Amino acid sequence: MVAVGRGEDIAADARKLGAHRHIDANKENAADALNGMGGVKSILATTGNSAAIAALMPALAPAGRLVVLGVGKDPLPVSTGYLVGA
């Protein structure tokens, strides 16, 4: 499991919860880092930050799953290409 967050302060907590790696989205492009590991089959988003969730979509594999647990005020901008596997 790979955790993505903003700031190193949550890295230790992520590792305690089972993450093998923490990507600090303030320091690197998280989607690029995930794609460098082969992409992901699923994204479990616990933030209400729609822009942060949308930024991870390029790392999601075709037929992958996006599970959103946090709800924000802003709409989630998702390209229809991600929805049909293009």
C-alpha atoms as a PDB file:
ATOM      1  CA  MET A   1       0.000   0.000   0.000  1.00  0.00           C
ATOM      2  CA  VAL A   2       1.211   3.467  -0.876  1.00  0.00           C
ATOM      3  CA  ALA A   3      -0.076   6.529   0.961  1.00  0.00           C
ATOM      4  CA  VAL A   4      -0.258   9.937  -0.676  1.00  0.00           C
ATOM      5  CA  GLY A   5      -0.502  13.048   1.450  1.00  0.00           C
ATOM      6  CA  ARG A   6       0.649  16.610   1.775  1.00  0.00           C
ATOM      7  CA  GLY A   7       3.481  16.905   4.258  1.00  0.00           C
ATOM      8  CA  GLU A   8       5.897  14.564   5.973  1.00  0.00           C
ATOM      9  CA  ASP A   9       4.037  14.909   9.269  1.00  0.00           C
ATOM     10  CA  ILE A  10       1.570  12.199   8.213  1.00  0.00           C
ATOM     11  CA  ALA A  11       4.183   9.774   6.863  1.00  0.00           C
ATOM     12  CA  ALA A  12       4.727   8.037  10.209  1.00  0.00           C
ATOM     13  CA  ASP A  13       0.984   7.612  10.734  1.00  0.00           C
ATOM     14  CA  ALA A  14       0.575   6.220   7.218  1.00  0.00           C
ATOM     15  CA  ARG A  15       3.306   3.668   7.848  1.00  0.00           C
ATOM     16  CA  LYS A  16       1.701   2.640  11.153  1.00  0.00           C
ATOM     17  CA  LEU A  17      -1.503   1.988   9.207  1.00  0.00           C
ATOM     18  CA  GLY A  18       0.322  -0.299   6.773  1.00  0.00           C
ATOM     19  CA  ALA A  19       1.726   1.919   4.042  1.00  0.00           C
ATOM     20  CA  HIS A  20       4.993   0.677   2.579  1.00  0.00           C
ATOM     21  CA  ARG A  21       5.712   4.077   1.076  1.00  0.00           C
ATOM     22  CA  HIS A  22       4.507   7.637   1.583  1.00  0.00           C
ATOM     23  CA  ILE A  23       4.449  10.112  -1.297  1.00  0.00           C
ATOM     24  CA  ASP A  24       4.506  13.744  -0.216  1.00  0.00           C
ATOM     25  CA  ALA A  25       2.397  15.498  -2.844  1.00  0.00           C
ATOM     26  CA  ASN A  26       3.967  18.813  -1.813  1.00  0.00           C
ATOM     27  CA  LYS A  27       7.370  17.556  -2.967  1.00  0.00           C
ATOM     28  CA  GLU A  28       6.614  15.378  -5.993  1.00  0.00           C
ATOM     29  CA  ASN A  29       3.898  14.683  -8.525  1.00  0.00           C
ATOM     30  CA  ALA A  30       2.010  11.811  -6.904  1.00  0.00           C
ATOM     31  CA  ALA A  31       0.492  10.486 -10.147  1.00  0.00           C
ATOM     32  CA  ASP A  32       3.928  10.376 -11.785  1.00  0.00           C
ATOM     33  CA  ALA A  33       5.386   8.601  -8.753  1.00  0.00           C
ATOM     34  CA  LEU A  34       2.557   6.040  -8.757  1.00  0.00           C
ATOM     35  CA  ASN A  35       2.890   5.495 -12.504  1.00  0.00           C
ATOM     36  CA  GLY A  36       6.610   4.972 -11.960  1.00  0.00           C
ATOM     37  CA  MET A  37       5.632   2.047  -9.732  1.00  0.00           C
ATOM     38  CA  GLY A  38       3.349   0.630 -12.418  1.00  0.00           C
ATOM     39  CA  GLY A  39       0.158   2.557 -11.637  1.00  0.00           C
ATOM     40  CA  VAL A  40      -2.579   1.581  -9.216  1.00  0.00           C
ATOM     41  CA  LYS A  41      -5.616  -0.688  -9.336  1.00  0.00           C
ATOM     42  CA  SER A  42      -7.514   1.395  -6.815  1.00  0.00           C
ATOM     43  CA  ILE A  43      -7.511   4.760  -5.113  1.00  0.00           C
ATOM     44  CA  LEU A  44      -9.103   5.160  -1.694  1.00  0.00           C
ATOM     45  CA  ALA A  45      -9.564   8.896  -1.224  1.00  0.00           C
ATOM     46  CA  THR A  46     -10.226  10.095   2.307  1.00  0.00           C
ATOM     47  CA  THR A  47      -9.858  13.789   1.578  1.00  0.00           C
ATOM     48  CA  GLY A  48     -12.544  16.219   0.562  1.00  0.00           C
ATOM     49  CA  ASN A  49     -10.071  18.006  -1.708  1.00  0.00           C
ATOM     50  CA  SER A  50     -11.428  17.387  -5.210  1.00  0.00           C
ATOM     51  CA  ALA A  51      -8.330  18.764  -6.928  1.00  0.00           C
ATOM     52  CA  ALA A  52      -6.086  16.369  -4.987  1.00  0.00           C
ATOM     53  CA  ILE A  53      -8.260  13.408  -5.971  1.00  0.00           C
ATOM     54  CA  ALA A  54      -8.400  14.459  -9.624  1.00  0.00           C
ATOM     55  CA  ALA A  55      -4.607  14.804  -9.677  1.00  0.00           C
ATOM     56  CA  LEU A  56      -4.293  11.073  -8.904  1.00  0.00           C
ATOM     57  CA  MET A  57      -6.582   9.897 -11.716  1.00  0.00           C
ATOM     58  CA  PRO A  58      -3.771   9.586 -14.305  1.00  0.00           C
ATOM     59  CA  ALA A  59      -2.244   6.840 -12.118  1.00  0.00           C
ATOM     60  CA  LEU A  60      -5.411   4.719 -12.059  1.00  0.00           C
ATOM     61  CA  ALA A  61      -5.245   1.618 -14.260  1.00  0.00           C
ATOM     62  CA  PRO A  62      -7.946   0.890 -16.853  1.00  0.00           C
ATOM     63  CA  ALA A  63     -10.928  -0.699 -15.081  1.00  0.00           C
ATOM     64  CA  GLY A  64      -9.463   0.585 -11.799  1.00  0.00           C
ATOM     65  CA  ARG A  65     -11.595   1.731  -8.898  1.00  0.00           C
ATOM     66  CA  LEU A  66     -11.879   5.137  -7.303  1.00  0.00           C
ATOM     67  CA  VAL A  67     -13.485   5.079  -3.858  1.00  0.00           C
ATOM     68  CA  VAL A  68     -14.179   8.522  -2.401  1.00  0.00           C
ATOM     69  CA  LEU A  69     -14.886   8.683   1.332  1.00  0.00           C
ATOM     70  CA  GLY A  70     -14.403  12.408   1.861  1.00  0.00           C
ATOM     71  CA  VAL A  71     -16.851  14.840   0.336  1.00  0.00           C
ATOM     72  CA  GLY A  72     -15.781  18.355  -0.510  1.00  0.00           C
ATOM     73  CA  LYS A  73     -17.660  21.444  -1.583  1.00  0.00           C
ATOM     74  CA  ASP A  74     -16.162  21.510  -5.073  1.00  0.00           C
ATOM     75  CA  PRO A  75     -17.143  19.152  -7.902  1.00  0.00           C
ATOM     76  CA  LEU A  76     -14.737  16.358  -8.776  1.00  0.00           C
ATOM     77  CA  PRO A  77     -13.309  17.192 -12.213  1.00  0.00           C
ATOM     78  CA  VAL A  78     -12.782  13.853 -13.942  1.00  0.00           C
ATOM     79  CA  SER A  79     -12.101  13.477 -17.642  1.00  0.00           C
ATOM     80  CA  THR A  80     -14.554  11.104 -19.296  1.00  0.00           C
ATOM     81  CA  GLY A  81     -11.545   9.316 -20.786  1.00  0.00           C
ATOM     82  CA  TYR A  82     -10.783   7.930 -17.331  1.00  0.00           C
ATOM     83  CA  LEU A  83     -14.340   6.652 -17.022  1.00  0.00           C
ATOM     84  CA  VAL A  84     -14.249   4.615 -20.223  1.00  0.00           C
ATOM     85  CA  GLY A  85     -10.639   3.457 -20.044  1.00  0.00           C
ATOM     86  CA  ALA A  86      -9.295   5.668 -22.821  1.00  0.00           C
END
